[in-house]
Amino acid sequence: MELLQSTEQFEQYKNAERVIFMFSADWCGDCRFIDPSLPAIEANYPDYSFVKIDRDQFIDLCVELDIFGIPSFVAYNNGQEIGRFVSKDRKTQEEIEAFIDGLEK
């Protein structure tokens, strides 16, 4: 999973086809809980690009996008938000995959 380096890079990714941003932080226990599942999720959804965003590094972006809980996922396609799975609750691989399955194609 690629790690976001700048807000300019976020705009580039956001305007690409089928991108899922994962908002996370090193100190977040629920984020660490899903880390082992992320390679399998990426492998199961090759049509999507996955980008991890460090919440602490990009706090202004999180505020702008109403990301107040992590881990959270927001999906875009060609600049349009097509879905969000945003909460402070722990997420399982099954819940994340159900979210991706429900995205607009």
N, C-alpha and C. Protein backbone atom coordinates (compact mmCIF):
# COMPACT_ATOMS: atom_id res chain seq x y z
N MET A 1 0.86 -1.17 0.00
CA MET A 1 0.00 0.00 0.00
C MET A 1 0.90 1.24 0.00
N GLU A 2 0.62 2.13 -0.90
CA GLU A 2 1.40 3.36 -1.01
C GLU A 2 1.07 4.29 0.16
N LEU A 3 2.06 5.03 0.61
CA LEU A 3 1.89 5.99 1.69
C LEU A 3 1.85 7.40 1.10
N LEU A 4 0.80 8.15 1.42
CA LEU A 4 0.65 9.51 0.90
C LEU A 4 1.79 10.40 1.40
N GLN A 5 2.36 11.18 0.47
CA GLN A 5 3.49 12.05 0.79
C GLN A 5 3.13 13.54 0.85
N SER A 6 2.05 13.94 0.15
CA SER A 6 1.71 15.36 0.10
C SER A 6 0.23 15.54 -0.25
N THR A 7 -0.29 16.74 0.03
CA THR A 7 -1.68 17.02 -0.34
C THR A 7 -1.82 17.11 -1.86
N GLU A 8 -0.76 17.52 -2.55
CA GLU A 8 -0.80 17.54 -4.02
C GLU A 8 -0.94 16.12 -4.56
N GLN A 9 -0.23 15.20 -3.93
CA GLN A 9 -0.33 13.80 -4.34
C GLN A 9 -1.75 13.27 -4.07
N PHE A 10 -2.37 13.71 -2.97
CA PHE A 10 -3.75 13.31 -2.69
C PHE A 10 -4.66 13.72 -3.83
N GLU A 11 -4.52 14.95 -4.31
CA GLU A 11 -5.35 15.43 -5.42
C GLU A 11 -5.14 14.60 -6.68
N GLN A 12 -3.91 14.21 -6.94
CA GLN A 12 -3.63 13.38 -8.11
C GLN A 12 -4.31 12.03 -7.99
N TYR A 13 -4.15 11.40 -6.82
CA TYR A 13 -4.79 10.10 -6.60
C TYR A 13 -6.31 10.23 -6.67
N LYS A 14 -6.84 11.25 -6.04
CA LYS A 14 -8.30 11.44 -5.97
C LYS A 14 -8.90 11.52 -7.36
N ASN A 15 -8.17 12.10 -8.30
CA ASN A 15 -8.69 12.28 -9.65
C ASN A 15 -8.42 11.09 -10.57
N ALA A 16 -7.80 10.05 -10.04
CA ALA A 16 -7.54 8.85 -10.83
C ALA A 16 -8.75 7.91 -10.75
N GLU A 17 -8.65 6.79 -11.45
CA GLU A 17 -9.73 5.81 -11.40
C GLU A 17 -9.59 4.91 -10.18
N ARG A 18 -10.69 4.67 -9.51
CA ARG A 18 -10.83 3.70 -8.42
C ARG A 18 -9.67 3.71 -7.42
N VAL A 19 -9.73 4.66 -6.51
CA VAL A 19 -8.73 4.79 -5.46
C VAL A 19 -9.42 4.72 -4.10
N ILE A 20 -8.82 3.95 -3.20
CA ILE A 20 -9.33 3.87 -1.83
C ILE A 20 -8.25 4.39 -0.89
N PHE A 21 -8.62 5.42 -0.13
CA PHE A 21 -7.71 5.98 0.86
C PHE A 21 -8.02 5.36 2.21
N MET A 22 -6.98 4.92 2.89
CA MET A 22 -7.12 4.41 4.26
C MET A 22 -6.47 5.41 5.20
N PHE A 23 -7.25 5.92 6.13
CA PHE A 23 -6.76 6.87 7.13
C PHE A 23 -6.38 6.09 8.37
N SER A 24 -5.15 6.31 8.84
CA SER A 24 -4.59 5.50 9.90
C SER A 24 -3.63 6.34 10.74
N ALA A 25 -3.07 5.74 11.78
CA ALA A 25 -2.02 6.37 12.58
C ALA A 25 -1.23 5.27 13.27
N ASP A 26 0.04 5.53 13.51
CA ASP A 26 0.90 4.52 14.13
C ASP A 26 0.42 4.10 15.52
N TRP A 27 -0.17 5.03 16.25
CA TRP A 27 -0.59 4.76 17.62
C TRP A 27 -1.96 4.09 17.72
N CYS A 28 -2.64 3.93 16.59
CA CYS A 28 -4.02 3.42 16.56
C CYS A 28 -4.05 1.89 16.62
N GLY A 29 -4.50 1.36 17.74
CA GLY A 29 -4.58 -0.09 17.91
C GLY A 29 -5.50 -0.77 16.92
N ASP A 30 -6.64 -0.16 16.63
CA ASP A 30 -7.57 -0.75 15.67
C ASP A 30 -7.00 -0.73 14.25
N CYS A 31 -6.15 0.25 13.96
CA CYS A 31 -5.48 0.31 12.66
C CYS A 31 -4.47 -0.83 12.56
N ARG A 32 -3.72 -1.07 13.63
CA ARG A 32 -2.73 -2.15 13.64
C ARG A 32 -3.44 -3.50 13.54
N PHE A 33 -4.65 -3.60 14.07
CA PHE A 33 -5.42 -4.84 14.03
C PHE A 33 -5.68 -5.28 12.58
N ILE A 34 -5.96 -4.31 11.68
CA ILE A 34 -6.27 -4.68 10.30
C ILE A 34 -5.04 -4.74 9.39
N ASP A 35 -3.89 -4.26 9.87
CA ASP A 35 -2.68 -4.26 9.03
C ASP A 35 -2.38 -5.62 8.40
N PRO A 36 -2.46 -6.73 9.14
CA PRO A 36 -2.16 -8.02 8.51
C PRO A 36 -3.12 -8.40 7.38
N SER A 37 -4.32 -7.85 7.38
CA SER A 37 -5.32 -8.16 6.35
C SER A 37 -5.16 -7.32 5.09
N LEU A 38 -4.44 -6.22 5.17
CA LEU A 38 -4.39 -5.28 4.04
C LEU A 38 -3.80 -5.88 2.76
N PRO A 39 -2.72 -6.67 2.83
CA PRO A 39 -2.22 -7.26 1.57
C PRO A 39 -3.26 -8.16 0.88
N ALA A 40 -4.01 -8.91 1.66
CA ALA A 40 -5.04 -9.78 1.07
C ALA A 40 -6.17 -8.94 0.47
N ILE A 41 -6.56 -7.88 1.15
CA ILE A 41 -7.61 -7.01 0.61
C ILE A 41 -7.15 -6.40 -0.71
N GLU A 42 -5.91 -5.90 -0.74
CA GLU A 42 -5.37 -5.34 -1.98
C GLU A 42 -5.36 -6.38 -3.09
N ALA A 43 -4.96 -7.60 -2.77
CA ALA A 43 -4.90 -8.67 -3.77
C ALA A 43 -6.29 -9.05 -4.28
N ASN A 44 -7.29 -8.97 -3.40
CA ASN A 44 -8.66 -9.32 -3.79
C ASN A 44 -9.33 -8.25 -4.65
N TYR A 45 -8.76 -7.04 -4.68
CA TYR A 45 -9.36 -5.92 -5.42
C TYR A 45 -8.30 -5.24 -6.29
N PRO A 46 -7.82 -5.95 -7.31
CA PRO A 46 -6.76 -5.39 -8.15
C PRO A 46 -7.20 -4.19 -8.99
N ASP A 47 -8.50 -3.97 -9.13
CA ASP A 47 -9.00 -2.83 -9.90
C ASP A 47 -8.87 -1.52 -9.13
N TYR A 48 -8.52 -1.60 -7.86
CA TYR A 48 -8.41 -0.41 -7.02
C TYR A 48 -6.96 -0.14 -6.64
N SER A 49 -6.62 1.12 -6.51
CA SER A 49 -5.34 1.53 -5.91
C SER A 49 -5.63 1.87 -4.46
N PHE A 50 -4.74 1.48 -3.58
CA PHE A 50 -4.90 1.73 -2.15
C PHE A 50 -3.80 2.66 -1.68
N VAL A 51 -4.19 3.70 -0.94
CA VAL A 51 -3.24 4.69 -0.45
C VAL A 51 -3.50 4.92 1.04
N LYS A 52 -2.45 4.77 1.83
CA LYS A 52 -2.56 4.99 3.27
C LYS A 52 -2.23 6.45 3.58
N ILE A 53 -3.05 7.06 4.43
CA ILE A 53 -2.84 8.44 4.85
C ILE A 53 -2.65 8.47 6.36
N ASP A 54 -1.51 8.98 6.79
CA ASP A 54 -1.24 9.13 8.21
C ASP A 54 -2.05 10.31 8.75
N ARG A 55 -2.99 10.01 9.61
CA ARG A 55 -3.90 11.02 10.14
C ARG A 55 -3.15 12.17 10.81
N ASP A 56 -2.09 11.85 11.53
CA ASP A 56 -1.35 12.89 12.25
C ASP A 56 -0.56 13.79 11.30
N GLN A 57 -0.09 13.24 10.21
CA GLN A 57 0.68 14.02 9.24
C GLN A 57 -0.24 14.91 8.39
N PHE A 58 -1.48 14.46 8.18
CA PHE A 58 -2.41 15.19 7.31
C PHE A 58 -3.71 15.52 8.04
N ILE A 59 -3.57 16.09 9.23
CA ILE A 59 -4.75 16.39 10.06
C ILE A 59 -5.68 17.39 9.37
N ASP A 60 -5.14 18.38 8.66
CA ASP A 60 -6.00 19.34 7.96
C ASP A 60 -6.83 18.67 6.88
N LEU A 61 -6.24 17.73 6.17
CA LEU A 61 -6.96 16.98 5.14
C LEU A 61 -8.06 16.15 5.79
N CYS A 62 -7.77 15.55 6.93
CA CYS A 62 -8.78 14.75 7.63
C CYS A 62 -9.96 15.62 8.07
N VAL A 63 -9.67 16.81 8.56
CA VAL A 63 -10.74 17.72 8.96
C VAL A 63 -11.57 18.10 7.74
N GLU A 64 -10.91 18.43 6.65
CA GLU A 64 -11.60 18.82 5.41
C GLU A 64 -12.51 17.70 4.91
N LEU A 65 -12.09 16.45 5.10
CA LEU A 65 -12.86 15.30 4.61
C LEU A 65 -13.78 14.70 5.66
N ASP A 66 -13.88 15.33 6.83
CA ASP A 66 -14.70 14.83 7.94
C ASP A 66 -14.29 13.43 8.38
N ILE A 67 -12.99 13.23 8.52
CA ILE A 67 -12.47 11.96 9.03
C ILE A 67 -12.11 12.19 10.49
N PHE A 68 -13.01 11.80 11.39
CA PHE A 68 -12.79 12.04 12.81
C PHE A 68 -12.57 10.75 13.58
N GLY A 69 -12.58 9.63 12.90
CA GLY A 69 -12.29 8.35 13.53
C GLY A 69 -11.42 7.53 12.60
N ILE A 70 -10.56 6.72 13.17
CA ILE A 70 -9.72 5.85 12.36
C ILE A 70 -9.73 4.46 12.96
N PRO A 71 -9.50 3.45 12.16
CA PRO A 71 -9.23 3.48 10.73
C PRO A 71 -10.49 3.81 9.94
N SER A 72 -10.31 4.52 8.86
CA SER A 72 -11.43 4.88 7.99
C SER A 72 -10.99 4.76 6.54
N PHE A 73 -11.98 4.55 5.68
CA PHE A 73 -11.73 4.37 4.26
C PHE A 73 -12.65 5.29 3.45
N VAL A 74 -12.07 5.95 2.45
CA VAL A 74 -12.86 6.79 1.54
C VAL A 74 -12.42 6.43 0.12
N ALA A 75 -13.41 6.17 -0.74
CA ALA A 75 -13.13 5.76 -2.11
C ALA A 75 -13.52 6.86 -3.09
N TYR A 76 -12.68 7.02 -4.11
CA TYR A 76 -12.91 7.99 -5.17
C TYR A 76 -12.77 7.32 -6.53
N ASN A 77 -13.47 7.87 -7.49
CA ASN A 77 -13.30 7.46 -8.89
C ASN A 77 -13.38 8.72 -9.74
N ASN A 78 -12.28 9.04 -10.39
CA ASN A 78 -12.22 10.22 -11.27
C ASN A 78 -12.67 11.50 -10.56
N GLY A 79 -12.20 11.69 -9.33
CA GLY A 79 -12.48 12.92 -8.59
C GLY A 79 -13.78 12.93 -7.82
N GLN A 80 -14.61 11.91 -7.99
CA GLN A 80 -15.90 11.84 -7.28
C GLN A 80 -15.81 10.84 -6.14
N GLU A 81 -16.26 11.26 -4.96
CA GLU A 81 -16.33 10.30 -3.86
C GLU A 81 -17.43 9.29 -4.16
N ILE A 82 -17.08 8.00 -4.09
CA ILE A 82 -18.07 6.96 -4.40
C ILE A 82 -18.43 6.13 -3.18
N GLY A 83 -17.79 6.41 -2.05
CA GLY A 83 -18.17 5.70 -0.83
C GLY A 83 -17.24 6.02 0.31
N ARG A 84 -17.76 5.83 1.53
CA ARG A 84 -16.92 6.03 2.72
C ARG A 84 -17.33 5.06 3.80
N PHE A 85 -16.34 4.59 4.50
CA PHE A 85 -16.50 3.69 5.64
C PHE A 85 -15.72 4.37 6.76
N VAL A 86 -16.38 5.33 7.40
CA VAL A 86 -15.71 6.22 8.34
C VAL A 86 -16.35 6.08 9.72
N SER A 87 -15.52 5.66 10.66
CA SER A 87 -15.94 5.59 12.06
C SER A 87 -14.70 5.32 12.89
N LYS A 88 -14.87 5.38 14.20
CA LYS A 88 -13.74 5.09 15.08
C LYS A 88 -13.72 3.62 15.48
N ASP A 89 -14.65 2.84 14.96
CA ASP A 89 -14.78 1.43 15.35
C ASP A 89 -13.75 0.55 14.67
N ARG A 90 -13.38 -0.53 15.34
CA ARG A 90 -12.51 -1.54 14.75
C ARG A 90 -13.23 -2.16 13.55
N LYS A 91 -12.47 -2.43 12.51
CA LYS A 91 -13.04 -3.00 11.29
C LYS A 91 -12.38 -4.33 10.99
N THR A 92 -13.16 -5.27 10.47
CA THR A 92 -12.62 -6.57 10.09
C THR A 92 -12.38 -6.60 8.58
N GLN A 93 -11.62 -7.58 8.14
CA GLN A 93 -11.40 -7.74 6.71
C GLN A 93 -12.73 -7.92 5.99
N GLU A 94 -13.64 -8.68 6.57
CA GLU A 94 -14.95 -8.91 5.96
C GLU A 94 -15.73 -7.61 5.81
N GLU A 95 -15.70 -6.77 6.82
CA GLU A 95 -16.42 -5.48 6.75
C GLU A 95 -15.81 -4.56 5.68
N ILE A 96 -14.49 -4.55 5.61
CA ILE A 96 -13.82 -3.71 4.61
C ILE A 96 -14.14 -4.21 3.21
N GLU A 97 -14.12 -5.52 3.01
CA GLU A 97 -14.43 -6.08 1.69
C GLU A 97 -15.90 -5.86 1.33
N ALA A 98 -16.79 -5.91 2.31
CA ALA A 98 -18.21 -5.62 2.04
C ALA A 98 -18.37 -4.16 1.62
N PHE A 99 -17.62 -3.26 2.24
CA PHE A 99 -17.64 -1.85 1.85
C PHE A 99 -17.18 -1.71 0.38
N ILE A 100 -16.08 -2.35 0.04
CA ILE A 100 -15.56 -2.25 -1.34
C ILE A 100 -16.55 -2.87 -2.33
N ASP A 101 -17.14 -4.01 -1.97
CA ASP A 101 -18.12 -4.65 -2.84
C ASP A 101 -19.32 -3.75 -3.10
N GLY A 102 -19.65 -2.88 -2.16
CA GLY A 102 -20.81 -2.01 -2.30
C GLY A 102 -20.54 -0.71 -3.03
N LEU A 103 -19.29 -0.46 -3.43
CA LEU A 103 -18.96 0.79 -4.12
C LEU A 103 -19.56 0.82 -5.52
N GLU A 104 -19.89 2.03 -5.96
CA GLU A 104 -20.39 2.24 -7.32
C GLU A 104 -19.27 1.87 -8.29
N LYS A 105 -19.63 1.18 -9.33
CA LYS A 105 -18.62 0.79 -10.33
C LYS A 105 -18.54 1.81 -11.42
